[in-house]
Amino acid sequence: MVFLFSFCLIMPGGSSGADRREQVEAYLLRVARIDWRIRRAALKDCPVSAMRPGFVLDARSAYMAGKEARLSDLPWVIGFTDMAAADGALLPGDEIREIERVPVSQLMQGADGQILPEHILAHIDHMVPQASYRLEVQRAGHARSVDVPARALCPGLTIVKQGRRGDAFSDLHNVAITTGLLDKLGSDDAVAFIIGHELAHTIFADSRKGPLSRRDKESRADLYGAHIAACAGFDPGKAIEALAVVRSMNVGGLSLTHRPYKVRQQAIAQYLSVRPDCQAAFTWERGEK
């Protein structure tokens, strides 16, 4: 999956521009690699799918030092989520100029009129699905064409937002998680559960009215988060620890929409007493699409 989130992260002052960029890129790569595995595993449950190349992008111009130096607005490769992409012709530091002959300046144009790297994702979703994508890149001042393999997965964006508050949320299409929550969660296994929980809300269209109550939707998302974390190769037992972290950062803040934390933890533990069937679709009454 292509990830481009730096514009959402404004790191506090007190460190050099290079240090801030390294901090941001560490968040981007960590979340991108976890999210890639979760969305690949969740493909069986998604009503639609997308073919995505497995590289992670950032934009130098998103940082103050980049703006002052008038660096290129082209998104550039900072890492990979897929070994096939990592072993290919694309290299870290390559600047992306075109994807399938479409300029990135056009791909970054959103329906809301804003020009942001994240809009590339939406445009790729509407391209004809392909086993690989032809990219025009700039490397060391020279233009070249490279083919990057793609993989099928659940579409959508996972956004990293800077903030001390421990929060994660979603809409019909995308997921967001704060740096504050990422820092407190610690393990990738716990992060995988949180992303899986929020992804459940997008898969089951929980923001729409349906036969389930808000608490039932949250309970289903808890079980799905643990389920898909296990199917993606993470330790689903860390879901219980993740809920403890969320509770410590949101004391009393979720009582109206979620069941008590102890009840949620017990439900997850009971669900995980039987190994999840990762070949079959997740079974739970779906909300109205």
Protein backbone atom coordinates (compact mmCIF):
# COMPACT_ATOMS: atom_id res chain seq x y z
CA MET A 1 0.00 0.00 0.00
CA VAL A 2 1.14 3.52 -0.67
CA PHE A 3 1.29 5.62 2.49
CA LEU A 4 1.78 9.40 2.52
CA PHE A 5 1.10 10.93 5.88
CA SER A 6 3.75 13.53 6.70
CA PHE A 7 1.40 16.46 6.14
CA CYS A 8 -0.64 15.25 9.14
CA LEU A 9 2.35 15.34 11.47
CA ILE A 10 3.63 18.61 12.88
CA MET A 11 6.24 17.63 15.43
CA PRO A 12 6.98 19.86 18.43
CA GLY A 13 9.94 22.21 18.29
CA GLY A 14 13.18 21.77 20.17
CA SER A 15 14.89 19.44 17.74
CA SER A 16 16.54 19.89 14.37
CA GLY A 17 14.68 19.57 11.09
CA ALA A 18 16.50 16.32 10.35
CA ASP A 19 15.55 14.89 13.74
CA ARG A 20 11.90 15.81 13.25
CA ARG A 21 11.86 14.25 9.82
CA GLU A 22 13.36 11.04 11.21
CA GLN A 23 10.70 10.97 13.94
CA VAL A 24 7.93 11.40 11.42
CA GLU A 25 9.30 8.78 9.06
CA ALA A 26 9.61 6.29 11.92
CA TYR A 27 5.89 6.71 12.64
CA LEU A 28 5.00 6.44 8.95
CA LEU A 29 6.99 3.28 8.34
CA ARG A 30 5.80 1.56 11.50
CA VAL A 31 2.12 2.18 10.85
CA ALA A 32 2.40 1.46 7.12
CA ARG A 33 3.98 -1.95 7.68
CA ILE A 34 1.45 -2.97 10.33
CA ASP A 35 -1.46 -1.67 8.28
CA TRP A 36 -0.28 -3.47 5.15
CA ARG A 37 -0.41 -6.83 6.94
CA ILE A 38 -3.80 -6.09 8.50
CA ARG A 39 -5.40 -5.00 5.21
CA ARG A 40 -3.96 -7.98 3.36
CA ALA A 41 -5.40 -10.36 5.94
CA ALA A 42 -8.76 -8.54 5.92
CA LEU A 43 -9.21 -8.85 2.16
CA LYS A 44 -11.60 -11.79 2.62
CA ASP A 45 -13.98 -9.57 4.59
CA CYS A 46 -13.89 -6.40 2.50
CA PRO A 47 -16.80 -5.67 0.15
CA VAL A 48 -14.31 -4.25 -2.38
CA SER A 49 -10.59 -4.61 -2.96
CA ALA A 50 -7.73 -2.59 -4.37
CA MET A 51 -4.36 -3.38 -5.93
CA ARG A 52 -1.63 -1.36 -4.25
CA PRO A 53 2.15 -1.12 -4.66
CA GLY A 54 3.96 -1.65 -1.37
CA PHE A 55 6.04 1.48 -0.92
CA VAL A 56 5.86 4.24 1.67
CA LEU A 57 6.07 7.88 0.61
CA ASP A 58 6.82 11.16 2.32
CA ALA A 59 7.19 14.74 1.09
CA ARG A 60 10.23 16.89 1.86
CA SER A 61 8.20 20.04 1.35
CA ALA A 62 6.05 19.08 4.36
CA TYR A 63 8.88 20.10 6.68
CA MET A 64 9.94 23.66 7.43
CA ALA A 65 13.51 22.94 6.36
CA GLY A 66 12.20 21.60 3.08
CA LYS A 67 10.10 24.69 2.46
CA GLU A 68 12.99 27.02 3.29
CA ALA A 69 15.28 25.11 0.96
CA ARG A 70 12.56 25.07 -1.71
CA LEU A 71 12.88 21.34 -2.14
CA SER A 72 10.82 19.44 -4.68
CA ASP A 73 7.12 18.90 -3.99
CA LEU A 74 7.39 15.41 -5.46
CA PRO A 75 6.65 12.58 -2.98
CA TRP A 76 9.67 10.37 -2.36
CA VAL A 77 10.14 6.76 -1.28
CA ILE A 78 11.19 6.25 2.35
CA GLY A 79 10.67 2.49 2.61
CA PHE A 80 8.58 -0.53 1.73
CA THR A 81 5.77 -2.64 3.16
CA ASP A 82 6.16 -5.51 0.72
CA MET A 83 9.33 -7.52 0.10
CA ALA A 84 8.53 -7.85 -3.60
CA ALA A 85 8.57 -4.07 -3.90
CA ALA A 86 11.69 -3.80 -1.75
CA ASP A 87 13.53 -6.25 -4.01
CA GLY A 88 12.50 -4.43 -7.18
CA ALA A 89 13.82 -1.53 -9.21
CA LEU A 90 12.42 1.18 -6.93
CA LEU A 91 14.86 2.57 -4.36
CA PRO A 92 14.54 4.65 -1.19
CA GLY A 93 15.03 8.29 -2.14
CA ASP A 94 13.38 7.96 -5.54
CA GLU A 95 10.99 10.83 -6.27
CA ILE A 96 7.72 9.80 -7.92
CA ARG A 97 6.82 11.88 -10.98
CA GLU A 98 4.09 9.78 -12.62
CA ILE A 99 2.04 6.65 -11.97
CA GLU A 100 0.69 4.95 -15.09
CA ARG A 101 1.44 8.14 -17.06
CA VAL A 102 -0.61 10.30 -14.71
CA PRO A 103 1.44 13.13 -13.12
CA VAL A 104 1.53 13.00 -9.31
CA SER A 105 0.48 16.65 -9.27
CA GLN A 106 -2.83 15.46 -10.73
CA LEU A 107 -3.01 12.43 -8.45
CA MET A 108 -2.59 14.66 -5.41
CA GLN A 109 -5.62 16.74 -6.43
CA GLY A 110 -8.55 15.86 -4.19
CA ALA A 111 -12.28 16.24 -4.76
CA ASP A 112 -12.26 18.90 -2.05
CA GLY A 113 -9.83 21.01 -4.06
CA GLN A 114 -6.90 20.40 -1.72
CA ILE A 115 -3.59 19.19 -3.12
CA LEU A 116 -2.26 16.51 -0.77
CA PRO A 117 -0.14 13.39 -1.27
CA GLU A 118 -2.79 11.21 0.40
CA HIS A 119 -5.12 11.73 -2.55
CA ILE A 120 -2.83 9.50 -4.61
CA LEU A 121 -4.42 6.55 -2.82
CA ALA A 122 -7.93 7.41 -3.93
CA HIS A 123 -6.80 7.79 -7.52
CA ILE A 124 -4.97 4.45 -7.51
CA ASP A 125 -8.14 2.83 -6.15
CA HIS A 126 -9.98 3.98 -9.28
CA MET A 127 -7.32 2.83 -11.71
CA VAL A 128 -7.74 -0.46 -13.56
CA PRO A 129 -6.32 -3.07 -11.12
CA GLN A 130 -2.95 -4.34 -12.26
CA ALA A 131 -0.34 -6.82 -11.08
CA SER A 132 2.22 -4.02 -11.32
CA TYR A 133 2.29 -0.28 -11.92
CA ARG A 134 4.62 1.68 -14.16
CA LEU A 135 6.20 4.61 -12.31
CA GLU A 136 8.26 7.45 -13.68
CA VAL A 137 10.77 8.42 -11.02
CA GLN A 138 13.61 10.85 -10.59
CA ARG A 139 16.80 9.43 -9.10
CA ALA A 140 19.93 11.51 -8.57
CA GLY A 141 18.65 14.04 -11.08
CA HIS A 142 17.86 11.47 -13.77
CA ALA A 143 14.44 10.27 -14.91
CA ARG A 144 13.74 6.57 -15.30
CA SER A 145 10.83 4.12 -15.54
CA VAL A 146 10.31 1.32 -13.03
CA ASP A 147 7.64 -1.34 -12.61
CA VAL A 148 6.45 -1.92 -9.06
CA PRO A 149 4.44 -5.06 -8.15
CA ALA A 150 1.05 -4.63 -6.48
CA ARG A 151 -0.92 -6.73 -4.02
CA ALA A 152 -4.64 -7.07 -3.36
CA LEU A 153 -5.89 -5.70 -0.04
CA CYS A 154 -8.67 -3.75 1.62
CA PRO A 155 -8.68 -0.19 0.26
CA GLY A 156 -8.49 2.88 2.44
CA LEU A 157 -6.00 5.06 4.21
CA THR A 158 -4.52 4.85 7.69
CA ILE A 159 -3.51 8.33 8.80
CA VAL A 160 -1.07 9.15 11.59
CA LYS A 161 -2.03 12.33 13.44
CA GLN A 162 0.29 14.17 15.81
CA GLY A 163 -1.17 14.55 19.28
CA ARG A 164 -0.66 13.45 22.86
CA ARG A 165 -4.22 12.23 23.25
CA GLY A 166 -4.68 8.48 22.98
CA ASP A 167 -7.14 8.28 20.12
CA ALA A 168 -8.04 6.19 17.09
CA PHE A 169 -11.08 6.62 14.89
CA SER A 170 -12.49 5.89 11.45
CA ASP A 171 -15.13 6.81 8.89
CA LEU A 172 -16.56 4.88 5.96
CA HIS A 173 -13.20 4.78 4.21
CA ASN A 174 -10.21 5.61 6.40
CA VAL A 175 -8.61 5.01 9.79
CA ALA A 176 -6.62 7.44 11.94
CA ILE A 177 -4.42 6.94 14.99
CA THR A 178 -2.55 9.50 17.07
CA THR A 179 1.15 9.51 17.86
CA GLY A 180 0.23 9.71 21.54
CA LEU A 181 -1.54 6.37 21.36
CA LEU A 182 1.23 4.82 19.25
CA ASP A 183 3.80 5.81 21.86
CA LYS A 184 1.81 4.32 24.74
CA LEU A 185 0.81 1.10 23.01
CA GLY A 186 4.40 -0.02 22.69
CA SER A 187 4.18 -3.28 20.74
CA ASP A 188 3.22 -3.63 17.09
CA ASP A 189 0.79 -6.37 18.16
CA ALA A 190 -1.22 -3.85 20.20
CA VAL A 191 -1.18 -1.34 17.33
CA ALA A 192 -2.40 -4.09 14.98
CA PHE A 193 -5.43 -4.68 17.20
CA ILE A 194 -6.30 -0.97 17.25
CA ILE A 195 -6.01 -0.66 13.47
CA GLY A 196 -8.03 -3.86 13.03
CA HIS A 197 -10.73 -2.56 15.38
CA GLU A 198 -11.08 0.68 13.41
CA LEU A 199 -10.89 -1.14 10.08
CA ALA A 200 -13.90 -3.20 11.19
CA HIS A 201 -15.93 -0.01 11.39
CA THR A 202 -15.10 0.77 7.75
CA ILE A 203 -15.71 -2.79 6.53
CA PHE A 204 -19.09 -3.04 8.23
CA ALA A 205 -20.04 0.58 7.50
CA ASP A 206 -20.71 1.19 11.18
CA SER A 207 -21.20 4.93 10.74
CA ARG A 208 -24.45 4.17 8.92
CA LYS A 209 -27.69 3.31 10.64
CA GLY A 210 -28.37 -0.39 11.03
CA PRO A 211 -29.89 -3.03 13.28
CA LEU A 212 -26.99 -3.00 15.73
CA SER A 213 -26.57 -0.60 18.61
CA ARG A 214 -23.41 1.50 18.90
CA ARG A 215 -22.19 -0.74 21.73
CA ASP A 216 -22.80 -3.87 19.66
CA LYS A 217 -20.82 -2.37 16.78
CA GLU A 218 -17.94 -1.62 19.14
CA SER A 219 -18.07 -5.15 20.55
CA ARG A 220 -17.94 -6.60 17.04
CA ALA A 221 -15.01 -4.33 16.21
CA ASP A 222 -13.16 -5.57 19.30
CA LEU A 223 -13.50 -9.18 18.22
CA TYR A 224 -12.66 -8.37 14.62
CA GLY A 225 -9.56 -6.46 15.69
CA ALA A 226 -8.30 -9.47 17.64
CA HIS A 227 -9.35 -11.82 14.83
CA ILE A 228 -7.61 -9.98 12.03
CA ALA A 229 -4.50 -9.29 14.11
CA ALA A 230 -4.15 -13.05 14.59
CA CYS A 231 -4.73 -13.70 10.89
CA ALA A 232 -2.05 -11.12 10.01
CA GLY A 233 0.50 -12.91 12.19
CA PHE A 234 0.38 -10.64 15.24
CA ASP A 235 -0.21 -11.71 18.84
CA PRO A 236 -3.96 -11.14 19.33
CA GLY A 237 -3.58 -11.44 23.09
CA LYS A 238 -2.06 -7.96 23.09
CA ALA A 239 -5.57 -6.65 22.40
CA ILE A 240 -6.29 -6.90 26.11
CA GLU A 241 -3.21 -4.80 26.90
CA ALA A 242 -4.19 -2.31 24.19
CA LEU A 243 -7.58 -1.78 25.81
CA ALA A 244 -5.88 -1.14 29.15
CA VAL A 245 -3.77 1.57 27.50
CA VAL A 246 -6.81 3.16 25.86
CA ARG A 247 -8.60 3.13 29.19
CA SER A 248 -5.70 4.85 30.96
CA MET A 249 -5.67 7.60 28.32
CA ASN A 250 -9.45 8.08 28.08
CA VAL A 251 -10.77 7.71 31.60
CA GLY A 252 -14.57 7.80 31.40
CA GLY A 253 -14.50 9.11 27.85
CA LEU A 254 -16.00 6.05 26.14
CA SER A 255 -18.55 4.88 28.70
CA LEU A 256 -21.56 5.98 26.65
CA THR A 257 -20.58 4.21 23.44
CA HIS A 258 -18.57 1.20 24.64
CA ARG A 259 -19.16 -1.56 27.15
CA PRO A 260 -17.02 -1.55 30.33
CA TYR A 261 -13.37 -2.33 29.67
CA LYS A 262 -13.42 -5.47 31.80
CA VAL A 263 -16.38 -6.81 29.81
CA ARG A 264 -14.59 -6.04 26.54
CA GLN A 265 -11.39 -7.73 27.70
CA GLN A 266 -13.28 -10.82 28.84
CA ALA A 267 -15.11 -11.05 25.52
CA ILE A 268 -11.83 -10.91 23.61
CA ALA A 269 -10.23 -13.53 25.85
CA GLN A 270 -13.22 -15.83 25.34
CA TYR A 271 -13.15 -15.31 21.57
CA LEU A 272 -9.45 -16.14 21.43
CA SER A 273 -9.93 -19.36 23.40
CA VAL A 274 -10.65 -20.91 19.99
CA ARG A 275 -8.15 -20.29 17.20
CA PRO A 276 -9.66 -17.88 14.62
CA ASP A 277 -10.47 -19.37 11.22
CA CYS A 278 -8.52 -17.11 8.90
CA GLN A 279 -9.73 -18.81 5.73
CA ALA A 280 -13.42 -18.12 6.29
CA ALA A 281 -15.11 -14.74 6.36
CA PHE A 282 -15.52 -13.23 9.80
CA THR A 283 -18.92 -14.23 11.18
CA TRP A 284 -20.92 -11.56 12.96
CA GLU A 285 -24.16 -9.87 12.01
CA ARG A 286 -23.24 -7.13 9.57
CA GLY A 287 -24.46 -3.58 9.90
CA GLU A 288 -26.46 -2.03 7.12
CA LYS A 289 -24.26 -1.22 4.14
